[in-house]
């Protein structure tokens, strides 16, 4: 067995090369999903955010005239010196809130109509983790539904989320998880929402009962909206459990599009009843635009 050659400890190049090697090794261990999500979140550049109401916090929000019951210590003398009215300096209310995330990891999400497009599950994971990064940077607590990963704050939670979101479910359609949601928290559900509708109804009903407000983001492949199939076509589920073959696929187009429209209407009605917001994202569209919408939708859902 050969021994490695001894390095010249007196040379500054050797320690630097060793440090670089170890750094590259640690970086390569990070899941690609995590790297992509952090880059996507960094591109948004939304900065610190508050709850836009007066309270305890570090950031200035507004000046207002002194009112009866205010302490004299609250007066901002520099602002008040500009006129005859005494003003109080209010700070922005900043308190960590809880955000629950559910991402559909079922087999139906592994569909892509073209090698040039990401699978639905990859885009769903990316958006879920990227918005979690933004929320955690803002001081929120983020976790997964069902108690598998309780909401926590801090950078370490990003690694835990990346690990959990990298898993897969063997079922064609994974039902949304509604257990262990903190009352009056916020929630984000990402899926194609093409599976059994009663499971989703139950999840949002349970969430509404706890005062949880949130966002549904439907992620679809462009072909699932346009149905560009014609001639002899064999359709099958991602697990192969469901198979349908037709000699004239174009004859199914109108019925298929009607069913898709019905599902969309049902999702909109369900969200109105539960007080949630509904969004639609196609895998051929910009992930950054979807992240911006998601982030602001979650912010508004807390109001």
C-alpha atoms as a PDB file:
ATOM      1  CA  UNK A   1       0.000   0.000   0.000  1.00  0.00           C
ATOM      2  CA  UNK A   2       1.533   3.299  -1.050  1.00  0.00           C
ATOM      3  CA  UNK A   3       1.565   6.279   1.229  1.00  0.00           C
ATOM      4  CA  UNK A   4       0.598   9.738   0.021  1.00  0.00           C
ATOM      5  CA  UNK A   5       3.501  12.059  -0.592  1.00  0.00           C
ATOM      6  CA  UNK A   6       4.199  14.477   2.235  1.00  0.00           C
ATOM      7  CA  UNK A   7       3.205  18.038   1.495  1.00  0.00           C
ATOM      8  CA  UNK A   8       5.472  20.986   2.071  1.00  0.00           C
ATOM      9  CA  UNK A   9       4.035  22.538   5.218  1.00  0.00           C
ATOM     10  CA  UNK A  10       6.124  25.649   4.713  1.00  0.00           C
ATOM     11  CA  UNK A  11       4.369  26.404   1.404  1.00  0.00           C
ATOM     12  CA  UNK A  12       1.248  28.603   1.644  1.00  0.00           C
ATOM     13  CA  UNK A  13      -0.121  26.912  -1.502  1.00  0.00           C
ATOM     14  CA  UNK A  14      -0.672  23.541   0.213  1.00  0.00           C
ATOM     15  CA  UNK A  15      -3.013  24.785   2.994  1.00  0.00           C
ATOM     16  CA  UNK A  16      -4.933  26.894   0.476  1.00  0.00           C
ATOM     17  CA  UNK A  17      -5.368  23.943  -1.877  1.00  0.00           C
ATOM     18  CA  UNK A  18      -6.489  21.717   0.991  1.00  0.00           C
ATOM     19  CA  UNK A  19      -9.018  24.316   2.131  1.00  0.00           C
ATOM     20  CA  UNK A  20     -10.384  24.662  -1.385  1.00  0.00           C
ATOM     21  CA  UNK A  21     -10.671  20.886  -1.742  1.00  0.00           C
ATOM     22  CA  UNK A  22     -12.625  20.577   1.500  1.00  0.00           C
ATOM     23  CA  UNK A  23     -14.854  23.524   0.588  1.00  0.00           C
ATOM     24  CA  UNK A  24     -15.662  22.024  -2.810  1.00  0.00           C
ATOM     25  CA  UNK A  25     -16.415  18.689  -1.163  1.00  0.00           C
ATOM     26  CA  UNK A  26     -18.843  20.280   1.266  1.00  0.00           C
ATOM     27  CA  UNK A  27     -20.499  22.320  -1.472  1.00  0.00           C
ATOM     28  CA  UNK A  28     -20.986  19.252  -3.663  1.00  0.00           C
ATOM     29  CA  UNK A  29     -22.841  17.551  -0.824  1.00  0.00           C
ATOM     30  CA  UNK A  30     -25.587  20.185  -0.930  1.00  0.00           C
ATOM     31  CA  UNK A  31     -28.644  18.985  -2.808  1.00  0.00           C
ATOM     32  CA  UNK A  32     -28.966  20.629  -6.253  1.00  0.00           C
ATOM     33  CA  UNK A  33     -32.493  21.575  -5.218  1.00  0.00           C
ATOM     34  CA  UNK A  34     -31.142  23.640  -2.325  1.00  0.00           C
ATOM     35  CA  UNK A  35     -28.606  25.439  -4.494  1.00  0.00           C
ATOM     36  CA  UNK A  36     -31.228  26.272  -7.140  1.00  0.00           C
ATOM     37  CA  UNK A  37     -33.753  27.434  -4.541  1.00  0.00           C
ATOM     38  CA  UNK A  38     -31.244  29.723  -2.831  1.00  0.00           C
ATOM     39  CA  UNK A  39     -30.243  31.240  -6.164  1.00  0.00           C
ATOM     40  CA  UNK A  40     -33.879  31.775  -7.123  1.00  0.00           C
ATOM     41  CA  UNK A  41     -34.702  33.336  -3.751  1.00  0.00           C
ATOM     42  CA  UNK A  42     -31.625  35.548  -3.969  1.00  0.00           C
ATOM     43  CA  UNK A  43     -32.726  36.850  -7.378  1.00  0.00           C
ATOM     44  CA  UNK A  44     -35.994  38.106  -5.942  1.00  0.00           C
ATOM     45  CA  UNK A  45     -34.215  40.592  -3.657  1.00  0.00           C
ATOM     46  CA  UNK A  46     -37.271  41.512  -1.647  1.00  0.00           C
ATOM     47  CA  UNK A  47     -35.306  42.408   1.466  1.00  0.00           C
ATOM     48  CA  UNK A  48     -36.644  42.521   4.986  1.00  0.00           C
ATOM     49  CA  UNK A  49     -40.389  42.607   5.405  1.00  0.00           C
ATOM     50  CA  UNK A  50     -42.691  43.479   8.260  1.00  0.00           C
ATOM     51  CA  UNK A  51     -46.338  43.113   8.998  1.00  0.00           C
ATOM     52  CA  UNK A  52     -47.127  46.777   8.135  1.00  0.00           C
ATOM     53  CA  UNK A  53     -48.769  47.609  11.419  1.00  0.00           C
ATOM     54  CA  UNK A  54     -47.640  49.393  14.550  1.00  0.00           C
ATOM     55  CA  UNK A  55     -46.044  47.447  17.366  1.00  0.00           C
ATOM     56  CA  UNK A  56     -42.757  46.144  18.693  1.00  0.00           C
ATOM     57  CA  UNK A  57     -39.971  45.999  16.134  1.00  0.00           C
ATOM     58  CA  UNK A  58     -36.738  47.550  14.955  1.00  0.00           C
ATOM     59  CA  UNK A  59     -37.827  49.340  11.787  1.00  0.00           C
ATOM     60  CA  UNK A  60     -39.446  52.765  11.591  1.00  0.00           C
ATOM     61  CA  UNK A  61     -42.997  52.696  10.236  1.00  0.00           C
ATOM     62  CA  UNK A  62     -44.630  56.110  10.591  1.00  0.00           C
ATOM     63  CA  UNK A  63     -45.056  59.298  12.624  1.00  0.00           C
ATOM     64  CA  UNK A  64     -48.443  60.109  14.111  1.00  0.00           C
ATOM     65  CA  UNK A  65     -49.695  62.925  16.364  1.00  0.00           C
ATOM     66  CA  UNK A  66     -49.515  62.377  20.116  1.00  0.00           C
ATOM     67  CA  UNK A  67     -52.792  60.979  21.436  1.00  0.00           C
ATOM     68  CA  UNK A  68     -54.381  60.833  24.880  1.00  0.00           C
ATOM     69  CA  UNK A  69     -52.924  57.881  26.786  1.00  0.00           C
ATOM     70  CA  UNK A  70     -49.543  57.969  25.021  1.00  0.00           C
ATOM     71  CA  UNK A  71     -46.489  58.127  27.233  1.00  0.00           C
ATOM     72  CA  UNK A  72     -44.396  61.306  27.031  1.00  0.00           C
ATOM     73  CA  UNK A  73     -41.386  59.057  26.430  1.00  0.00           C
ATOM     74  CA  UNK A  74     -42.876  58.061  23.055  1.00  0.00           C
ATOM     75  CA  UNK A  75     -42.538  61.613  21.679  1.00  0.00           C
ATOM     76  CA  UNK A  76     -40.024  62.085  18.867  1.00  0.00           C
ATOM     77  CA  UNK A  77     -38.630  65.497  19.789  1.00  0.00           C
ATOM     78  CA  UNK A  78     -36.702  66.002  16.547  1.00  0.00           C
ATOM     79  CA  UNK A  79     -39.864  65.551  14.418  1.00  0.00           C
ATOM     80  CA  UNK A  80     -41.998  67.536  16.863  1.00  0.00           C
ATOM     81  CA  UNK A  81     -39.567  70.482  16.797  1.00  0.00           C
ATOM     82  CA  UNK A  82     -40.593  71.240  13.194  1.00  0.00           C
ATOM     83  CA  UNK A  83     -43.977  72.608  14.287  1.00  0.00           C
ATOM     84  CA  UNK A  84     -46.480  72.997  17.084  1.00  0.00           C
ATOM     85  CA  UNK A  85     -47.744  69.382  17.017  1.00  0.00           C
ATOM     86  CA  UNK A  86     -46.045  66.666  19.030  1.00  0.00           C
ATOM     87  CA  UNK A  87     -45.403  63.438  17.109  1.00  0.00           C
ATOM     88  CA  UNK A  88     -44.919  59.830  18.176  1.00  0.00           C
ATOM     89  CA  UNK A  89     -42.502  57.602  16.270  1.00  0.00           C
ATOM     90  CA  UNK A  90     -44.098  54.195  15.627  1.00  0.00           C
ATOM     91  CA  UNK A  91     -42.153  51.079  14.798  1.00  0.00           C
ATOM     92  CA  UNK A  92     -43.215  48.270  12.502  1.00  0.00           C
ATOM     93  CA  UNK A  93     -44.840  45.236  14.112  1.00  0.00           C
ATOM     94  CA  UNK A  94     -42.502  42.325  13.519  1.00  0.00           C
ATOM     95  CA  UNK A  95     -43.374  38.988  15.051  1.00  0.00           C
ATOM     96  CA  UNK A  96     -42.494  35.575  13.680  1.00  0.00           C
ATOM     97  CA  UNK A  97     -45.424  33.808  12.088  1.00  0.00           C
ATOM     98  CA  UNK A  98     -45.831  30.164  11.194  1.00  0.00           C
ATOM     99  CA  UNK A  99     -46.003  28.926   7.605  1.00  0.00           C
ATOM    100  CA  UNK A 100     -46.952  25.319   6.801  1.00  0.00           C
ATOM    101  CA  UNK A 101     -45.932  23.892   3.414  1.00  0.00           C
ATOM    102  CA  UNK A 102     -47.340  20.868   1.609  1.00  0.00           C
ATOM    103  CA  UNK A 103     -45.842  19.829  -1.724  1.00  0.00           C
ATOM    104  CA  UNK A 104     -47.361  17.003  -3.751  1.00  0.00           C
ATOM    105  CA  UNK A 105     -44.622  14.389  -4.197  1.00  0.00           C
ATOM    106  CA  UNK A 106     -46.908  11.842  -5.866  1.00  0.00           C
ATOM    107  CA  UNK A 107     -46.108  10.084  -9.140  1.00  0.00           C
ATOM    108  CA  UNK A 108     -48.464  12.265 -11.205  1.00  0.00           C
ATOM    109  CA  UNK A 109     -46.132  15.184 -10.497  1.00  0.00           C
ATOM    110  CA  UNK A 110     -43.263  13.446 -12.288  1.00  0.00           C
ATOM    111  CA  UNK A 111     -44.830  14.183 -15.685  1.00  0.00           C
ATOM    112  CA  UNK A 112     -43.140  16.295 -18.347  1.00  0.00           C
ATOM    113  CA  UNK A 113     -44.261  16.474 -21.979  1.00  0.00           C
ATOM    114  CA  UNK A 114     -40.826  17.470 -23.265  1.00  0.00           C
ATOM    115  CA  UNK A 115     -37.164  17.039 -22.270  1.00  0.00           C
ATOM    116  CA  UNK A 116     -36.923  20.823 -22.494  1.00  0.00           C
ATOM    117  CA  UNK A 117     -39.409  21.224 -19.641  1.00  0.00           C
ATOM    118  CA  UNK A 118     -38.900  20.363 -15.979  1.00  0.00           C
ATOM    119  CA  UNK A 119     -41.110  17.773 -14.363  1.00  0.00           C
ATOM    120  CA  UNK A 120     -43.944  19.268 -12.373  1.00  0.00           C
ATOM    121  CA  UNK A 121     -42.483  17.839  -9.170  1.00  0.00           C
ATOM    122  CA  UNK A 122     -39.135  19.558  -9.773  1.00  0.00           C
ATOM    123  CA  UNK A 123     -40.769  22.949 -10.279  1.00  0.00           C
ATOM    124  CA  UNK A 124     -43.031  22.421  -7.252  1.00  0.00           C
ATOM    125  CA  UNK A 125     -40.060  21.533  -5.045  1.00  0.00           C
ATOM    126  CA  UNK A 126     -38.074  24.498  -6.281  1.00  0.00           C
ATOM    127  CA  UNK A 127     -40.854  26.990  -5.603  1.00  0.00           C
ATOM    128  CA  UNK A 128     -41.710  25.483  -2.208  1.00  0.00           C
ATOM    129  CA  UNK A 129     -38.123  25.649  -1.017  1.00  0.00           C
ATOM    130  CA  UNK A 130     -37.412  29.065  -2.518  1.00  0.00           C
ATOM    131  CA  UNK A 131     -40.430  30.672  -0.862  1.00  0.00           C
ATOM    132  CA  UNK A 132     -39.441  28.936   2.393  1.00  0.00           C
ATOM    133  CA  UNK A 133     -35.985  30.502   2.103  1.00  0.00           C
ATOM    134  CA  UNK A 134     -37.566  33.948   1.712  1.00  0.00           C
ATOM    135  CA  UNK A 135     -39.878  33.400   4.666  1.00  0.00           C
ATOM    136  CA  UNK A 136     -37.076  32.132   6.880  1.00  0.00           C
ATOM    137  CA  UNK A 137     -34.915  35.096   5.936  1.00  0.00           C
ATOM    138  CA  UNK A 138     -37.788  37.301   7.061  1.00  0.00           C
ATOM    139  CA  UNK A 139     -37.740  35.677  10.489  1.00  0.00           C
ATOM    140  CA  UNK A 140     -40.757  33.401  10.013  1.00  0.00           C
ATOM    141  CA  UNK A 141     -41.103  29.810  11.208  1.00  0.00           C
ATOM    142  CA  UNK A 142     -41.542  27.364   8.334  1.00  0.00           C
ATOM    143  CA  UNK A 143     -42.327  23.655   8.425  1.00  0.00           C
ATOM    144  CA  UNK A 144     -44.201  20.902   6.629  1.00  0.00           C
ATOM    145  CA  UNK A 145     -47.787  19.866   7.254  1.00  0.00           C
ATOM    146  CA  UNK A 146     -48.504  16.617   9.053  1.00  0.00           C
ATOM    147  CA  UNK A 147     -45.903  17.080  11.787  1.00  0.00           C
ATOM    148  CA  UNK A 148     -43.109  15.460   9.752  1.00  0.00           C
ATOM    149  CA  UNK A 149     -41.079  18.651  10.045  1.00  0.00           C
ATOM    150  CA  UNK A 150     -42.373  21.045  12.722  1.00  0.00           C
ATOM    151  CA  UNK A 151     -42.105  24.765  11.942  1.00  0.00           C
ATOM    152  CA  UNK A 152     -38.806  26.301  13.014  1.00  0.00           C
ATOM    153  CA  UNK A 153     -36.799  29.389  12.156  1.00  0.00           C
ATOM    154  CA  UNK A 154     -33.145  29.665  11.196  1.00  0.00           C
ATOM    155  CA  UNK A 155     -30.837  28.569   8.395  1.00  0.00           C
ATOM    156  CA  UNK A 156     -30.680  24.951   9.571  1.00  0.00           C
ATOM    157  CA  UNK A 157     -34.375  24.576   8.746  1.00  0.00           C
ATOM    158  CA  UNK A 158     -33.583  25.177   5.062  1.00  0.00           C
ATOM    159  CA  UNK A 159     -31.429  22.036   4.982  1.00  0.00           C
ATOM    160  CA  UNK A 160     -34.161  20.021   6.691  1.00  0.00           C
ATOM    161  CA  UNK A 161     -36.762  21.251   4.204  1.00  0.00           C
ATOM    162  CA  UNK A 162     -34.520  20.432   1.240  1.00  0.00           C
ATOM    163  CA  UNK A 163     -34.044  16.896   2.515  1.00  0.00           C
ATOM    164  CA  UNK A 164     -37.750  16.277   3.086  1.00  0.00           C
ATOM    165  CA  UNK A 165     -38.795  17.805  -0.237  1.00  0.00           C
ATOM    166  CA  UNK A 166     -36.331  15.581  -2.114  1.00  0.00           C
ATOM    167  CA  UNK A 167     -38.365  12.469  -1.260  1.00  0.00           C
ATOM    168  CA  UNK A 168     -41.051  10.901  -3.461  1.00  0.00           C
ATOM    169  CA  UNK A 169     -44.410   9.182  -2.984  1.00  0.00           C
ATOM    170  CA  UNK A 170     -45.208   5.942  -4.832  1.00  0.00           C
ATOM    171  CA  UNK A 171     -48.934   6.717  -5.188  1.00  0.00           C
ATOM    172  CA  UNK A 172     -50.274   8.309  -8.374  1.00  0.00           C
ATOM    173  CA  UNK A 173     -51.830  11.121  -6.341  1.00  0.00           C
ATOM    174  CA  UNK A 174     -50.596  12.073  -2.882  1.00  0.00           C
ATOM    175  CA  UNK A 175     -53.430  13.431  -0.701  1.00  0.00           C
ATOM    176  CA  UNK A 176     -52.780  16.836   0.905  1.00  0.00           C
ATOM    177  CA  UNK A 177     -51.705  16.587   4.532  1.00  0.00           C
ATOM    178  CA  UNK A 178     -53.681  18.712   6.985  1.00  0.00           C
ATOM    179  CA  UNK A 179     -52.594  17.454  10.402  1.00  0.00           C
ATOM    180  CA  UNK A 180     -50.553  19.442  12.939  1.00  0.00           C
ATOM    181  CA  UNK A 181     -51.271  22.885  11.499  1.00  0.00           C
ATOM    182  CA  UNK A 182     -50.913  25.670  14.062  1.00  0.00           C
ATOM    183  CA  UNK A 183     -54.106  27.721  14.514  1.00  0.00           C
ATOM    184  CA  UNK A 184     -54.101  31.054  12.648  1.00  0.00           C
ATOM    185  CA  UNK A 185     -50.943  30.140  10.745  1.00  0.00           C
ATOM    186  CA  UNK A 186     -50.437  30.459   6.992  1.00  0.00           C
ATOM    187  CA  UNK A 187     -50.131  27.574   4.550  1.00  0.00           C
ATOM    188  CA  UNK A 188     -48.939  26.826   1.041  1.00  0.00           C
ATOM    189  CA  UNK A 189     -50.150  23.786  -0.924  1.00  0.00           C
ATOM    190  CA  UNK A 190     -48.452  23.054  -4.279  1.00  0.00           C
ATOM    191  CA  UNK A 191     -49.769  20.313  -6.580  1.00  0.00           C
ATOM    192  CA  UNK A 192     -51.356  19.705  -9.965  1.00  0.00           C
ATOM    193  CA  UNK A 193     -54.600  19.133  -7.993  1.00  0.00           C
ATOM    194  CA  UNK A 194     -55.762  16.566 -10.542  1.00  0.00           C
ATOM    195  CA  UNK A 195     -56.287  13.824  -7.962  1.00  0.00           C
ATOM    196  CA  UNK A 196     -59.374  13.026  -5.832  1.00  0.00           C
ATOM    197  CA  UNK A 197     -61.051  16.309  -4.949  1.00  0.00           C
ATOM    198  CA  UNK A 198     -62.585  15.217  -1.634  1.00  0.00           C
ATOM    199  CA  UNK A 199     -59.131  14.918  -0.019  1.00  0.00           C
ATOM    200  CA  UNK A 200     -58.384  18.542  -0.875  1.00  0.00           C
ATOM    201  CA  UNK A 201     -61.801  19.662   0.365  1.00  0.00           C
ATOM    202  CA  UNK A 202     -61.150  17.948   3.691  1.00  0.00           C
ATOM    203  CA  UNK A 203     -57.702  19.523   4.039  1.00  0.00           C
ATOM    204  CA  UNK A 204     -58.922  23.074   3.394  1.00  0.00           C
ATOM    205  CA  UNK A 205     -61.965  22.540   5.614  1.00  0.00           C
ATOM    206  CA  UNK A 206     -59.704  21.467   8.488  1.00  0.00           C
ATOM    207  CA  UNK A 207     -57.419  24.432   7.828  1.00  0.00           C
ATOM    208  CA  UNK A 208     -60.308  26.897   7.789  1.00  0.00           C
ATOM    209  CA  UNK A 209     -61.615  25.469  11.080  1.00  0.00           C
ATOM    210  CA  UNK A 210     -58.245  26.379  12.647  1.00  0.00           C
ATOM    211  CA  UNK A 211     -58.204  29.853  11.137  1.00  0.00           C
ATOM    212  CA  UNK A 212     -55.381  28.926   8.761  1.00  0.00           C
ATOM    213  CA  UNK A 213     -55.233  31.112   5.632  1.00  0.00           C
ATOM    214  CA  UNK A 214     -53.117  30.211   2.670  1.00  0.00           C
ATOM    215  CA  UNK A 215     -52.422  29.692  -1.000  1.00  0.00           C
ATOM    216  CA  UNK A 216     -53.019  26.878  -3.470  1.00  0.00           C
ATOM    217  CA  UNK A 217     -50.593  26.863  -6.388  1.00  0.00           C
ATOM    218  CA  UNK A 218     -51.580  24.567  -9.239  1.00  0.00           C
ATOM    219  CA  UNK A 219     -48.545  23.467 -11.279  1.00  0.00           C
ATOM    220  CA  UNK A 220     -49.306  22.052 -14.721  1.00  0.00           C
ATOM    221  CA  UNK A 221     -47.361  21.006 -17.789  1.00  0.00           C
ATOM    222  CA  UNK A 222     -48.420  23.151 -20.807  1.00  0.00           C
ATOM    223  CA  UNK A 223     -49.738  20.061 -22.615  1.00  0.00           C
ATOM    224  CA  UNK A 224     -52.175  19.425 -19.762  1.00  0.00           C
ATOM    225  CA  UNK A 225     -53.931  22.685 -20.629  1.00  0.00           C
ATOM    226  CA  UNK A 226     -53.756  22.507 -24.430  1.00  0.00           C
ATOM    227  CA  UNK A 227     -54.203  18.730 -25.036  1.00  0.00           C
ATOM    228  CA  UNK A 228     -52.170  18.691 -28.287  1.00  0.00           C
ATOM    229  CA  UNK A 229     -52.759  14.985 -29.003  1.00  0.00           C
ATOM    230  CA  UNK A 230     -54.171  13.517 -32.216  1.00  0.00           C
ATOM    231  CA  UNK A 231     -54.409  10.128 -33.918  1.00  0.00           C
ATOM    232  CA  UNK A 232     -53.611   6.892 -32.161  1.00  0.00           C
ATOM    233  CA  UNK A 233     -52.457   7.677 -28.638  1.00  0.00           C
ATOM    234  CA  UNK A 234     -51.873   5.595 -25.540  1.00  0.00           C
ATOM    235  CA  UNK A 235     -52.386   7.419 -22.263  1.00  0.00           C
ATOM    236  CA  UNK A 236     -51.144   5.974 -18.985  1.00  0.00           C
ATOM    237  CA  UNK A 237     -50.588   7.154 -15.444  1.00  0.00           C
ATOM    238  CA  UNK A 238     -47.021   7.645 -14.237  1.00  0.00           C
ATOM    239  CA  UNK A 239     -47.150   4.391 -12.260  1.00  0.00           C
ATOM    240  CA  UNK A 240     -48.756   2.482 -15.158  1.00  0.00           C
ATOM    241  CA  UNK A 241     -51.795   1.614 -13.064  1.00  0.00           C
ATOM    242  CA  UNK A 242     -54.201   3.412 -15.432  1.00  0.00           C
ATOM    243  CA  UNK A 243     -54.047   2.917 -19.208  1.00  0.00           C
ATOM    244  CA  UNK A 244     -56.294   4.212 -21.988  1.00  0.00           C
ATOM    245  CA  UNK A 245     -55.667   3.813 -25.733  1.00  0.00           C
ATOM    246  CA  UNK A 246     -57.586   5.593 -28.466  1.00  0.00           C
ATOM    247  CA  UNK A 247     -57.367   5.709 -32.256  1.00  0.00           C
ATOM    248  CA  UNK A 248     -58.511   9.330 -32.398  1.00  0.00           C
ATOM    249  CA  UNK A 249     -57.151  11.345 -29.502  1.00  0.00           C
ATOM    250  CA  UNK A 250     -58.422  14.628 -30.965  1.00  0.00           C
ATOM    251  CA  UNK A 251     -61.994  13.426 -30.343  1.00  0.00           C
ATOM    252  CA  UNK A 252     -61.283  13.530 -26.611  1.00  0.00           C
ATOM    253  CA  UNK A 253     -59.993  17.100 -26.605  1.00  0.00           C
ATOM    254  CA  UNK A 254     -63.257  18.989 -25.966  1.00  0.00           C
ATOM    255  CA  UNK A 255     -64.358  16.649 -23.167  1.00  0.00           C
ATOM    256  CA  UNK A 256     -60.906  16.818 -21.606  1.00  0.00           C
ATOM    257  CA  UNK A 257     -60.798  20.625 -21.697  1.00  0.00           C
ATOM    258  CA  UNK A 258     -64.300  20.783 -20.199  1.00  0.00           C
ATOM    259  CA  UNK A 259     -63.181  18.562 -17.317  1.00  0.00           C
ATOM    260  CA  UNK A 260     -60.116  20.732 -16.742  1.00  0.00           C
ATOM    261  CA  UNK A 261     -62.302  23.852 -16.678  1.00  0.00           C
ATOM    262  CA  UNK A 262     -64.655  22.173 -14.208  1.00  0.00           C
ATOM    263  CA  UNK A 263     -61.734  21.316 -11.919  1.00  0.00           C
ATOM    264  CA  UNK A 264     -60.459  24.889 -12.116  1.00  0.00           C
ATOM    265  CA  UNK A 265     -63.903  26.254 -11.215  1.00  0.00           C
ATOM    266  CA  UNK A 266     -64.090  23.821  -8.284  1.00  0.00           C
ATOM    267  CA  UNK A 267     -60.677  24.940  -7.022  1.00  0.00           C
ATOM    268  CA  UNK A 268     -61.682  28.597  -7.230  1.00  0.00           C
ATOM    269  CA  UNK A 269     -64.931  27.943  -5.349  1.00  0.00           C
ATOM    270  CA  UNK A 270     -63.118  25.952  -2.678  1.00  0.00           C
ATOM    271  CA  UNK A 271     -60.571  28.728  -2.154  1.00  0.00           C
ATOM    272  CA  UNK A 272     -63.285  31.370  -1.888  1.00  0.00           C
ATOM    273  CA  UNK A 273     -65.066  29.342   0.779  1.00  0.00           C
ATOM    274  CA  UNK A 274     -61.877  28.720   2.782  1.00  0.00           C
ATOM    275  CA  UNK A 275     -60.519  32.255   2.361  1.00  0.00           C
ATOM    276  CA  UNK A 276     -57.482  31.050   0.421  1.00  0.00           C
ATOM    277  CA  UNK A 277     -55.855  32.347  -2.770  1.00  0.00           C
ATOM    278  CA  UNK A 278     -55.464  30.273  -5.933  1.00  0.00           C
ATOM    279  CA  UNK A 279     -52.615  30.529  -8.423  1.00  0.00           C
ATOM    280  CA  UNK A 280     -51.706  28.714 -11.645  1.00  0.00           C
ATOM    281  CA  UNK A 281     -48.189  28.069 -12.904  1.00  0.00           C
ATOM    282  CA  UNK A 282     -47.045  26.301 -16.063  1.00  0.00           C
ATOM    283  CA  UNK A 283     -43.679  24.580 -16.060  1.00  0.00           C
ATOM    284  CA  UNK A 284     -42.767  26.385 -19.269  1.00  0.00           C
ATOM    285  CA  UNK A 285     -43.096  29.785 -17.563  1.00  0.00           C
ATOM    286  CA  UNK A 286     -40.631  31.696 -15.390  1.00  0.00           C
ATOM    287  CA  UNK A 287     -40.029  30.232 -11.947  1.00  0.00           C
ATOM    288  CA  UNK A 288     -39.003  33.672 -10.688  1.00  0.00           C
ATOM    289  CA  UNK A 289     -42.340  35.219 -11.678  1.00  0.00           C
ATOM    290  CA  UNK A 290     -44.156  32.396  -9.878  1.00  0.00           C
ATOM    291  CA  UNK A 291     -42.030  32.909  -6.765  1.00  0.00           C
ATOM    292  CA  UNK A 292     -42.759  36.641  -6.708  1.00  0.00           C
ATOM    293  CA  UNK A 293     -46.486  35.959  -6.935  1.00  0.00           C
ATOM    294  CA  UNK A 294     -46.328  33.269  -4.263  1.00  0.00           C
ATOM    295  CA  UNK A 295     -44.385  35.439  -1.835  1.00  0.00           C
ATOM    296  CA  UNK A 296     -46.803  38.353  -2.097  1.00  0.00           C
ATOM    297  CA  UNK A 297     -49.833  36.050  -2.016  1.00  0.00           C
ATOM    298  CA  UNK A 298     -48.634  34.549   1.257  1.00  0.00           C
ATOM    299  CA  UNK A 299     -48.013  38.028   2.641  1.00  0.00           C
ATOM    300  CA  UNK A 300     -51.557  39.098   1.785  1.00  0.00           C
ATOM    301  CA  UNK A 301     -52.996  35.902   3.237  1.00  0.00           C
ATOM    302  CA  UNK A 302     -51.742  37.014   6.660  1.00  0.00           C
ATOM    303  CA  UNK A 303     -53.770  40.214   6.581  1.00  0.00           C
END
